[in-house]
Amino acid sequence: MRAKTQREALIMDAMLEQADTLLHGLSSDVRDPALVAGDEDPSAALQALLNDPTITCLHILGHGAPGGVRIGSRWLTANDFRVAPEVSAARTEHLEIYFWS
């Protein structure tokens, strides 16, 4: 039997209310979530997920406001979601990004 390929990923603010409840209902299609502590900068974890060509769907769960989402110690804006051209060229499928707040 072939192992299931998990092509979805989640990065989320670990300080969200009822995070355990949200994670309990997480689909098995999603890799282990990247939890970002309240005092942690999410940039490195986010870039690692964006640069992974095997991920086709990225879920971002944080505290939303017009123009951005707060995860950990900072607000993420459109500039945080840029992918290097060589990474983009290596993708065989496009990357869907979903924001949840």
PDB file of N, CA and C in Angstrom:
ATOM      1  N   MET A   1       0.843  -1.183   0.000  1.00  0.00           N
ATOM      2  CA  MET A   1       0.000   0.000   0.000  1.00  0.00           C
ATOM      3  C   MET A   1       0.887   1.244   0.000  1.00  0.00           C
ATOM      4  N   ARG A   2       0.589   2.182  -0.893  1.00  0.00           N
ATOM      5  CA  ARG A   2       1.364   3.429  -0.965  1.00  0.00           C
ATOM      6  C   ARG A   2       0.963   4.389   0.140  1.00  0.00           C
ATOM      7  N   ALA A   3       1.943   5.085   0.661  1.00  0.00           N
ATOM      8  CA  ALA A   3       1.664   6.098   1.681  1.00  0.00           C
ATOM      9  C   ALA A   3       0.946   7.274   1.026  1.00  0.00           C
ATOM     10  N   LYS A   4       0.044   7.852   1.755  1.00  0.00           N
ATOM     11  CA  LYS A   4      -0.702   9.008   1.259  1.00  0.00           C
ATOM     12  C   LYS A   4       0.214  10.226   1.207  1.00  0.00           C
ATOM     13  N   THR A   5       0.167  10.947   0.101  1.00  0.00           N
ATOM     14  CA  THR A   5       0.968  12.153  -0.042  1.00  0.00           C
ATOM     15  C   THR A   5       0.180  13.329   0.522  1.00  0.00           C
ATOM     16  N   GLN A   6       0.738  13.994   1.489  1.00  0.00           N
ATOM     17  CA  GLN A   6       0.081  15.151   2.082  1.00  0.00           C
ATOM     18  C   GLN A   6       0.566  16.392   1.360  1.00  0.00           C
ATOM     19  N   ARG A   7      -0.297  16.956   0.531  1.00  0.00           N
ATOM     20  CA  ARG A   7       0.069  18.094  -0.300  1.00  0.00           C
ATOM     21  C   ARG A   7      -0.476  19.411   0.261  1.00  0.00           C
ATOM     22  N   GLU A   8      -1.129  19.352   1.419  1.00  0.00           N
ATOM     23  CA  GLU A   8      -1.640  20.560   2.067  1.00  0.00           C
ATOM     24  C   GLU A   8      -0.838  20.823   3.328  1.00  0.00           C
ATOM     25  N   ALA A   9      -0.687  22.108   3.664  1.00  0.00           N
ATOM     26  CA  ALA A   9       0.051  22.494   4.863  1.00  0.00           C
ATOM     27  C   ALA A   9      -0.712  23.601   5.575  1.00  0.00           C
ATOM     28  N   LEU A  10      -0.464  23.715   6.866  1.00  0.00           N
ATOM     29  CA  LEU A  10      -1.102  24.734   7.700  1.00  0.00           C
ATOM     30  C   LEU A  10      -0.038  25.412   8.537  1.00  0.00           C
ATOM     31  N   ILE A  11      -0.076  26.741   8.552  1.00  0.00           N
ATOM     32  CA  ILE A  11       0.718  27.515   9.493  1.00  0.00           C
ATOM     33  C   ILE A  11      -0.286  28.324  10.308  1.00  0.00           C
ATOM     34  N   MET A  12      -0.132  28.271  11.619  1.00  0.00           N
ATOM     35  CA  MET A  12      -1.126  28.959  12.449  1.00  0.00           C
ATOM     36  C   MET A  12      -0.515  29.547  13.708  1.00  0.00           C
ATOM     37  N   ASP A  13      -1.194  30.553  14.209  1.00  0.00           N
ATOM     38  CA  ASP A  13      -0.822  31.195  15.457  1.00  0.00           C
ATOM     39  C   ASP A  13      -1.236  30.264  16.597  1.00  0.00           C
ATOM     40  N   ALA A  14      -0.275  29.831  17.393  1.00  0.00           N
ATOM     41  CA  ALA A  14      -0.546  28.897  18.486  1.00  0.00           C
ATOM     42  C   ALA A  14      -1.382  29.525  19.590  1.00  0.00           C
ATOM     43  N   MET A  15      -1.514  30.849  19.588  1.00  0.00           N
ATOM     44  CA  MET A  15      -2.259  31.534  20.634  1.00  0.00           C
ATOM     45  C   MET A  15      -3.748  31.700  20.311  1.00  0.00           C
ATOM     46  N   LEU A  16      -4.204  31.144  19.202  1.00  0.00           N
ATOM     47  CA  LEU A  16      -5.613  31.253  18.857  1.00  0.00           C
ATOM     48  C   LEU A  16      -6.470  30.552  19.901  1.00  0.00           C
ATOM     49  N   GLU A  17      -7.612  31.151  20.188  1.00  0.00           N
ATOM     50  CA  GLU A  17      -8.543  30.515  21.113  1.00  0.00           C
ATOM     51  C   GLU A  17      -9.034  29.210  20.506  1.00  0.00           C
ATOM     52  N   GLN A  18      -9.146  28.202  21.311  1.00  0.00           N
ATOM     53  CA  GLN A  18      -9.634  26.888  20.916  1.00  0.00           C
ATOM     54  C   GLN A  18      -8.793  26.248  19.811  1.00  0.00           C
ATOM     55  N   ALA A  19      -7.487  26.503  19.833  1.00  0.00           N
ATOM     56  CA  ALA A  19      -6.581  25.922  18.832  1.00  0.00           C
ATOM     57  C   ALA A  19      -6.646  24.401  18.859  1.00  0.00           C
ATOM     58  N   ASP A  20      -6.757  23.813  20.057  1.00  0.00           N
ATOM     59  CA  ASP A  20      -6.824  22.350  20.158  1.00  0.00           C
ATOM     60  C   ASP A  20      -8.052  21.807  19.438  1.00  0.00           C
ATOM     61  N   THR A  21      -9.170  22.493  19.561  1.00  0.00           N
ATOM     62  CA  THR A  21     -10.395  22.065  18.891  1.00  0.00           C
ATOM     63  C   THR A  21     -10.228  22.159  17.382  1.00  0.00           C
ATOM     64  N   LEU A  22      -9.633  23.240  16.920  1.00  0.00           N
ATOM     65  CA  LEU A  22      -9.407  23.410  15.488  1.00  0.00           C
ATOM     66  C   LEU A  22      -8.482  22.320  14.953  1.00  0.00           C
ATOM     67  N   LEU A  23      -7.420  22.012  15.676  1.00  0.00           N
ATOM     68  CA  LEU A  23      -6.467  21.009  15.220  1.00  0.00           C
ATOM     69  C   LEU A  23      -7.053  19.602  15.277  1.00  0.00           C
ATOM     70  N   HIS A  24      -7.947  19.367  16.231  1.00  0.00           N
ATOM     71  CA  HIS A  24      -8.577  18.052  16.358  1.00  0.00           C
ATOM     72  C   HIS A  24      -9.377  17.709  15.102  1.00  0.00           C
ATOM     73  N   GLY A  25      -9.978  18.711  14.478  1.00  0.00           N
ATOM     74  CA  GLY A  25     -10.784  18.490  13.292  1.00  0.00           C
ATOM     75  C   GLY A  25     -10.013  18.610  11.989  1.00  0.00           C
ATOM     76  N   LEU A  26      -8.705  18.711  12.065  1.00  0.00           N
ATOM     77  CA  LEU A  26      -7.878  18.897  10.886  1.00  0.00           C
ATOM     78  C   LEU A  26      -7.899  17.659   9.997  1.00  0.00           C
ATOM     79  N   SER A  27      -8.054  17.871   8.724  1.00  0.00           N
ATOM     80  CA  SER A  27      -8.081  16.782   7.751  1.00  0.00           C
ATOM     81  C   SER A  27      -6.741  16.046   7.721  1.00  0.00           C
ATOM     82  N   SER A  28      -6.794  14.766   7.448  1.00  0.00           N
ATOM     83  CA  SER A  28      -5.561  13.981   7.333  1.00  0.00           C
ATOM     84  C   SER A  28      -4.792  14.339   6.060  1.00  0.00           C
ATOM     85  N   ASP A  29      -5.398  15.148   5.183  1.00  0.00           N
ATOM     86  CA  ASP A  29      -4.713  15.614   3.982  1.00  0.00           C
ATOM     87  C   ASP A  29      -3.679  16.689   4.288  1.00  0.00           C
ATOM     88  N   VAL A  30      -3.740  17.248   5.504  1.00  0.00           N
ATOM     89  CA  VAL A  30      -2.864  18.354   5.894  1.00  0.00           C
ATOM     90  C   VAL A  30      -1.696  17.811   6.711  1.00  0.00           C
ATOM     91  N   ARG A  31      -0.502  18.246   6.359  1.00  0.00           N
ATOM     92  CA  ARG A  31       0.694  17.868   7.116  1.00  0.00           C
ATOM     93  C   ARG A  31       0.594  18.385   8.541  1.00  0.00           C
ATOM     94  N   ASP A  32       1.477  17.902   9.412  1.00  0.00           N
ATOM     95  CA  ASP A  32       1.520  18.420  10.773  1.00  0.00           C
ATOM     96  C   ASP A  32       1.649  19.936  10.700  1.00  0.00           C
ATOM     97  N   PRO A  33       0.801  20.650  11.435  1.00  0.00           N
ATOM     98  CA  PRO A  33       0.813  22.116  11.321  1.00  0.00           C
ATOM     99  C   PRO A  33       2.078  22.750  11.880  1.00  0.00           C
ATOM    100  N   ALA A  34       2.434  23.875  11.273  1.00  0.00           N
ATOM    101  CA  ALA A  34       3.522  24.706  11.778  1.00  0.00           C
ATOM    102  C   ALA A  34       2.884  25.683  12.762  1.00  0.00           C
ATOM    103  N   LEU A  35       3.099  25.461  14.055  1.00  0.00           N
ATOM    104  CA  LEU A  35       2.540  26.325  15.093  1.00  0.00           C
ATOM    105  C   LEU A  35       3.549  27.410  15.426  1.00  0.00           C
ATOM    106  N   VAL A  36       3.097  28.647  15.422  1.00  0.00           N
ATOM    107  CA  VAL A  36       3.970  29.793  15.675  1.00  0.00           C
ATOM    108  C   VAL A  36       3.583  30.395  17.020  1.00  0.00           C
ATOM    109  N   ALA A  37       4.529  30.411  17.963  1.00  0.00           N
ATOM    110  CA  ALA A  37       4.295  30.957  19.298  1.00  0.00           C
ATOM    111  C   ALA A  37       4.085  32.471  19.219  1.00  0.00           C
ATOM    112  N   GLY A  38       3.448  33.018  20.238  1.00  0.00           N
ATOM    113  CA  GLY A  38       3.113  34.436  20.270  1.00  0.00           C
ATOM    114  C   GLY A  38       4.290  35.379  20.136  1.00  0.00           C
ATOM    115  N   ASP A  39       5.467  34.953  20.577  1.00  0.00           N
ATOM    116  CA  ASP A  39       6.647  35.812  20.499  1.00  0.00           C
ATOM    117  C   ASP A  39       7.579  35.423  19.344  1.00  0.00           C
ATOM    118  N   GLU A  40       7.121  34.545  18.477  1.00  0.00           N
ATOM    119  CA  GLU A  40       7.957  34.018  17.395  1.00  0.00           C
ATOM    120  C   GLU A  40       7.639  34.697  16.060  1.00  0.00           C
ATOM    121  N   ASP A  41       8.658  34.936  15.260  1.00  0.00           N
ATOM    122  CA  ASP A  41       8.494  35.486  13.920  1.00  0.00           C
ATOM    123  C   ASP A  41       8.167  34.323  12.977  1.00  0.00           C
ATOM    124  N   PRO A  42       7.067  34.384  12.248  1.00  0.00           N
ATOM    125  CA  PRO A  42       6.662  33.274  11.386  1.00  0.00           C
ATOM    126  C   PRO A  42       7.361  33.233  10.027  1.00  0.00           C
ATOM    127  N   SER A  43       8.218  34.207   9.739  1.00  0.00           N
ATOM    128  CA  SER A  43       8.798  34.341   8.402  1.00  0.00           C
ATOM    129  C   SER A  43       9.512  33.092   7.907  1.00  0.00           C
ATOM    130  N   ALA A  44      10.373  32.494   8.707  1.00  0.00           N
ATOM    131  CA  ALA A  44      11.144  31.328   8.258  1.00  0.00           C
ATOM    132  C   ALA A  44      10.224  30.146   7.970  1.00  0.00           C
ATOM    133  N   ALA A  45       9.274  29.892   8.858  1.00  0.00           N
ATOM    134  CA  ALA A  45       8.343  28.777   8.643  1.00  0.00           C
ATOM    135  C   ALA A  45       7.480  29.016   7.410  1.00  0.00           C
ATOM    136  N   LEU A  46       7.037  30.244   7.225  1.00  0.00           N
ATOM    137  CA  LEU A  46       6.215  30.570   6.067  1.00  0.00           C
ATOM    138  C   LEU A  46       7.008  30.391   4.773  1.00  0.00           C
ATOM    139  N   GLN A  47       8.231  30.907   4.728  1.00  0.00           N
ATOM    140  CA  GLN A  47       9.042  30.784   3.518  1.00  0.00           C
ATOM    141  C   GLN A  47       9.356  29.322   3.199  1.00  0.00           C
ATOM    142  N   ALA A  48       9.590  28.512   4.210  1.00  0.00           N
ATOM    143  CA  ALA A  48       9.851  27.087   3.980  1.00  0.00           C
ATOM    144  C   ALA A  48       8.644  26.425   3.316  1.00  0.00           C
ATOM    145  N   LEU A  49       7.448  26.770   3.760  1.00  0.00           N
ATOM    146  CA  LEU A  49       6.233  26.203   3.168  1.00  0.00           C
ATOM    147  C   LEU A  49       6.003  26.733   1.756  1.00  0.00           C
ATOM    148  N   LEU A  50       6.214  28.026   1.562  1.00  0.00           N
ATOM    149  CA  LEU A  50       6.037  28.606   0.228  1.00  0.00           C
ATOM    150  C   LEU A  50       7.028  28.027  -0.776  1.00  0.00           C
ATOM    151  N   ASN A  51       8.224  27.714  -0.324  1.00  0.00           N
ATOM    152  CA  ASN A  51       9.270  27.217  -1.211  1.00  0.00           C
ATOM    153  C   ASN A  51       9.238  25.710  -1.412  1.00  0.00           C
ATOM    154  N   ASP A  52       8.313  25.017  -0.775  1.00  0.00           N
ATOM    155  CA  ASP A  52       8.207  23.565  -0.919  1.00  0.00           C
ATOM    156  C   ASP A  52       7.323  23.247  -2.123  1.00  0.00           C
ATOM    157  N   PRO A  53       7.895  22.779  -3.237  1.00  0.00           N
ATOM    158  CA  PRO A  53       7.097  22.553  -4.441  1.00  0.00           C
ATOM    159  C   PRO A  53       6.115  21.395  -4.330  1.00  0.00           C
ATOM    160  N   THR A  54       6.210  20.586  -3.279  1.00  0.00           N
ATOM    161  CA  THR A  54       5.259  19.481  -3.121  1.00  0.00           C
ATOM    162  C   THR A  54       3.950  19.936  -2.488  1.00  0.00           C
ATOM    163  N   ILE A  55       3.948  21.127  -1.902  1.00  0.00           N
ATOM    164  CA  ILE A  55       2.720  21.667  -1.297  1.00  0.00           C
ATOM    165  C   ILE A  55       1.923  22.373  -2.379  1.00  0.00           C
ATOM    166  N   THR A  56       0.668  22.001  -2.506  1.00  0.00           N
ATOM    167  CA  THR A  56      -0.205  22.634  -3.499  1.00  0.00           C
ATOM    168  C   THR A  56      -1.285  23.489  -2.848  1.00  0.00           C
ATOM    169  N   CYS A  57      -1.430  23.360  -1.531  1.00  0.00           N
ATOM    170  CA  CYS A  57      -2.451  24.129  -0.816  1.00  0.00           C
ATOM    171  C   CYS A  57      -1.899  24.521   0.558  1.00  0.00           C
ATOM    172  N   LEU A  58      -1.870  25.821   0.816  1.00  0.00           N
ATOM    173  CA  LEU A  58      -1.353  26.333   2.082  1.00  0.00           C
ATOM    174  C   LEU A  58      -2.468  27.062   2.814  1.00  0.00           C
ATOM    175  N   HIS A  59      -2.742  26.621   4.040  1.00  0.00           N
ATOM    176  CA  HIS A  59      -3.743  27.262   4.889  1.00  0.00           C
ATOM    177  C   HIS A  59      -3.012  28.122   5.911  1.00  0.00           C
ATOM    178  N   ILE A  60      -3.484  29.347   6.080  1.00  0.00           N
ATOM    179  CA  ILE A  60      -2.883  30.278   7.025  1.00  0.00           C
ATOM    180  C   ILE A  60      -3.969  30.696   7.997  1.00  0.00           C
ATOM    181  N   LEU A  61      -3.759  30.407   9.266  1.00  0.00           N
ATOM    182  CA  LEU A  61      -4.769  30.665  10.286  1.00  0.00           C
ATOM    183  C   LEU A  61      -4.193  31.591  11.343  1.00  0.00           C
ATOM    184  N   GLY A  62      -4.762  32.774  11.428  1.00  0.00           N
ATOM    185  CA  GLY A  62      -4.273  33.750  12.394  1.00  0.00           C
ATOM    186  C   GLY A  62      -5.337  34.779  12.702  1.00  0.00           C
ATOM    187  N   HIS A  63      -4.910  35.929  13.153  1.00  0.00           N
ATOM    188  CA  HIS A  63      -5.798  37.036  13.502  1.00  0.00           C
ATOM    189  C   HIS A  63      -5.820  38.000  12.324  1.00  0.00           C
ATOM    190  N   GLY A  64      -6.953  38.102  11.638  1.00  0.00           N
ATOM    191  CA  GLY A  64      -7.025  38.893  10.419  1.00  0.00           C
ATOM    192  C   GLY A  64      -7.437  40.335  10.644  1.00  0.00           C
ATOM    193  N   ALA A  65      -7.028  41.161   9.697  1.00  0.00           N
ATOM    194  CA  ALA A  65      -7.406  42.568   9.609  1.00  0.00           C
ATOM    195  C   ALA A  65      -7.203  42.968   8.150  1.00  0.00           C
ATOM    196  N   PRO A  66      -7.835  44.055   7.713  1.00  0.00           N
ATOM    197  CA  PRO A  66      -7.638  44.473   6.326  1.00  0.00           C
ATOM    198  C   PRO A  66      -6.143  44.602   5.990  1.00  0.00           C
ATOM    199  N   GLY A  67      -5.726  43.919   4.931  1.00  0.00           N
ATOM    200  CA  GLY A  67      -4.348  44.024   4.465  1.00  0.00           C
ATOM    201  C   GLY A  67      -3.370  43.045   5.070  1.00  0.00           C
ATOM    202  N   GLY A  68      -3.816  42.194   5.998  1.00  0.00           N
ATOM    203  CA  GLY A  68      -2.850  41.273   6.583  1.00  0.00           C
ATOM    204  C   GLY A  68      -3.454  40.293   7.564  1.00  0.00           C
ATOM    205  N   VAL A  69      -2.585  39.448   8.070  1.00  0.00           N
ATOM    206  CA  VAL A  69      -2.963  38.472   9.088  1.00  0.00           C
ATOM    207  C   VAL A  69      -1.822  38.403  10.102  1.00  0.00           C
ATOM    208  N   ARG A  70      -2.188  38.353  11.383  1.00  0.00           N
ATOM    209  CA  ARG A  70      -1.173  38.291  12.429  1.00  0.00           C
ATOM    210  C   ARG A  70      -0.972  36.849  12.858  1.00  0.00           C
ATOM    211  N   ILE A  71       0.286  36.430  12.757  1.00  0.00           N
ATOM    212  CA  ILE A  71       0.692  35.117  13.238  1.00  0.00           C
ATOM    213  C   ILE A  71       1.942  35.333  14.070  1.00  0.00           C
ATOM    214  N   GLY A  72       1.907  34.848  15.284  1.00  0.00           N
ATOM    215  CA  GLY A  72       3.065  35.026  16.156  1.00  0.00           C
ATOM    216  C   GLY A  72       3.295  36.492  16.451  1.00  0.00           C
ATOM    217  N   SER A  73       4.528  36.938  16.244  1.00  0.00           N
ATOM    218  CA  SER A  73       4.917  38.285  16.658  1.00  0.00           C
ATOM    219  C   SER A  73       4.720  39.359  15.596  1.00  0.00           C
ATOM    220  N   ARG A  74       4.183  39.009  14.423  1.00  0.00           N
ATOM    221  CA  ARG A  74       4.080  40.058  13.402  1.00  0.00           C
ATOM    222  C   ARG A  74       2.909  39.870  12.460  1.00  0.00           C
ATOM    223  N   TRP A  75       2.596  40.975  11.814  1.00  0.00           N
ATOM    224  CA  TRP A  75       1.574  40.982  10.773  1.00  0.00           C
ATOM    225  C   TRP A  75       2.214  40.561   9.468  1.00  0.00           C
ATOM    226  N   LEU A  76       1.563  39.658   8.761  1.00  0.00           N
ATOM    227  CA  LEU A  76       2.013  39.243   7.441  1.00  0.00           C
ATOM    228  C   LEU A  76       1.200  40.009   6.402  1.00  0.00           C
ATOM    229  N   THR A  77       1.881  40.503   5.379  1.00  0.00           N
ATOM    230  CA  THR A  77       1.216  41.217   4.292  1.00  0.00           C
ATOM    231  C   THR A  77       1.546  40.513   2.969  1.00  0.00           C
ATOM    232  N   ALA A  78       1.083  41.066   1.875  1.00  0.00           N
ATOM    233  CA  ALA A  78       1.307  40.457   0.563  1.00  0.00           C
ATOM    234  C   ALA A  78       2.792  40.230   0.282  1.00  0.00           C
ATOM    235  N   ASN A  79       3.659  41.103   0.755  1.00  0.00           N
ATOM    236  CA  ASN A  79       5.102  40.962   0.514  1.00  0.00           C
ATOM    237  C   ASN A  79       5.688  39.681   1.104  1.00  0.00           C
ATOM    238  N   ASP A  80       5.041  39.138   2.133  1.00  0.00           N
ATOM    239  CA  ASP A  80       5.536  37.919   2.771  1.00  0.00           C
ATOM    240  C   ASP A  80       5.217  36.661   1.966  1.00  0.00           C
ATOM    241  N   PHE A  81       4.439  36.804   0.913  1.00  0.00           N
ATOM    242  CA  PHE A  81       3.998  35.636   0.151  1.00  0.00           C
ATOM    243  C   PHE A  81       4.645  35.540  -1.223  1.00  0.00           C
ATOM    244  N   ARG A  82       5.745  36.195  -1.389  1.00  0.00           N
ATOM    245  CA  ARG A  82       6.481  36.126  -2.648  1.00  0.00           C
ATOM    246  C   ARG A  82       7.331  34.855  -2.659  1.00  0.00           C
ATOM    247  N   VAL A  83       7.368  34.212  -3.805  1.00  0.00           N
ATOM    248  CA  VAL A  83       8.157  32.996  -3.970  1.00  0.00           C
ATOM    249  C   VAL A  83       9.254  33.299  -4.983  1.00  0.00           C
ATOM    250  N   ALA A  84      10.457  32.837  -4.698  1.00  0.00           N
ATOM    251  CA  ALA A  84      11.583  33.055  -5.609  1.00  0.00           C
ATOM    252  C   ALA A  84      11.239  32.501  -6.988  1.00  0.00           C
ATOM    253  N   PRO A  85      11.633  33.200  -8.072  1.00  0.00           N
ATOM    254  CA  PRO A  85      11.302  32.749  -9.434  1.00  0.00           C
ATOM    255  C   PRO A  85      11.736  31.313  -9.732  1.00  0.00           C
ATOM    256  N   GLU A  86      12.901  30.904  -9.233  1.00  0.00           N
ATOM    257  CA  GLU A  86      13.355  29.540  -9.495  1.00  0.00           C
ATOM    258  C   GLU A  86      12.484  28.503  -8.802  1.00  0.00           C
ATOM    259  N   VAL A  87      11.937  28.858  -7.642  1.00  0.00           N
ATOM    260  CA  VAL A  87      11.018  27.953  -6.939  1.00  0.00           C
ATOM    261  C   VAL A  87       9.711  27.884  -7.700  1.00  0.00           C
ATOM    262  N   SER A  88       9.224  29.024  -8.120  1.00  0.00           N
ATOM    263  CA  SER A  88       7.986  29.068  -8.890  1.00  0.00           C
ATOM    264  C   SER A  88       8.107  28.252 -10.171  1.00  0.00           C
ATOM    265  N   ALA A  89       9.237  28.346 -10.841  1.00  0.00           N
ATOM    266  CA  ALA A  89       9.458  27.605 -12.086  1.00  0.00           C
ATOM    267  C   ALA A  89       9.523  26.101 -11.837  1.00  0.00           C
ATOM    268  N   ALA A  90       9.945  25.690 -10.636  1.00  0.00           N
ATOM    269  CA  ALA A  90      10.072  24.269 -10.320  1.00  0.00           C
ATOM    270  C   ALA A  90       8.735  23.621  -9.975  1.00  0.00           C
ATOM    271  N   ARG A  91       7.715  24.439  -9.744  1.00  0.00           N
ATOM    272  CA  ARG A  91       6.408  23.893  -9.387  1.00  0.00           C
ATOM    273  C   ARG A  91       5.741  23.254 -10.594  1.00  0.00           C
ATOM    274  N   THR A  92       5.199  22.054 -10.392  1.00  0.00           N
ATOM    275  CA  THR A  92       4.432  21.412 -11.455  1.00  0.00           C
ATOM    276  C   THR A  92       2.959  21.786 -11.358  1.00  0.00           C
ATOM    277  N   GLU A  93       2.537  22.261 -10.187  1.00  0.00           N
ATOM    278  CA  GLU A  93       1.162  22.703  -9.967  1.00  0.00           C
ATOM    279  C   GLU A  93       1.201  24.058  -9.262  1.00  0.00           C
ATOM    280  N   HIS A  94       0.134  24.840  -9.449  1.00  0.00           N
ATOM    281  CA  HIS A  94       0.103  26.142  -8.781  1.00  0.00           C
ATOM    282  C   HIS A  94      -0.146  25.945  -7.287  1.00  0.00           C
ATOM    283  N   LEU A  95       0.132  26.982  -6.530  1.00  0.00           N
ATOM    284  CA  LEU A  95      -0.052  26.965  -5.081  1.00  0.00           C
ATOM    285  C   LEU A  95      -1.288  27.773  -4.723  1.00  0.00           C
ATOM    286  N   GLU A  96      -2.229  27.135  -4.054  1.00  0.00           N
ATOM    287  CA  GLU A  96      -3.411  27.829  -3.550  1.00  0.00           C
ATOM    288  C   GLU A  96      -3.139  28.221  -2.107  1.00  0.00           C
ATOM    289  N   ILE A  97      -3.480  29.455  -1.747  1.00  0.00           N
ATOM    290  CA  ILE A  97      -3.297  29.931  -0.385  1.00  0.00           C
ATOM    291  C   ILE A  97      -4.656  30.354   0.159  1.00  0.00           C
ATOM    292  N   TYR A  98      -5.004  29.835   1.329  1.00  0.00           N
ATOM    293  CA  TYR A  98      -6.263  30.162   1.979  1.00  0.00           C
ATOM    294  C   TYR A  98      -5.966  30.842   3.309  1.00  0.00           C
ATOM    295  N   PHE A  99      -6.643  31.948   3.542  1.00  0.00           N
ATOM    296  CA  PHE A  99      -6.488  32.689   4.795  1.00  0.00           C
ATOM    297  C   PHE A  99      -7.722  32.459   5.662  1.00  0.00           C
ATOM    298  N   TRP A 100      -7.479  32.095   6.912  1.00  0.00           N
ATOM    299  CA  TRP A 100      -8.555  31.855   7.873  1.00  0.00           C
ATOM    300  C   TRP A 100      -8.276  32.724   9.087  1.00  0.00           C
ATOM    301  N   SER A 101      -9.301  33.381   9.593  1.00  0.00           N
ATOM    302  CA  SER A 101      -9.105  34.192  10.798  1.00  0.00           C
ATOM    303  C   SER A 101     -10.378  34.216  11.617  1.00  0.00           C
TER     304      SER A 101
END
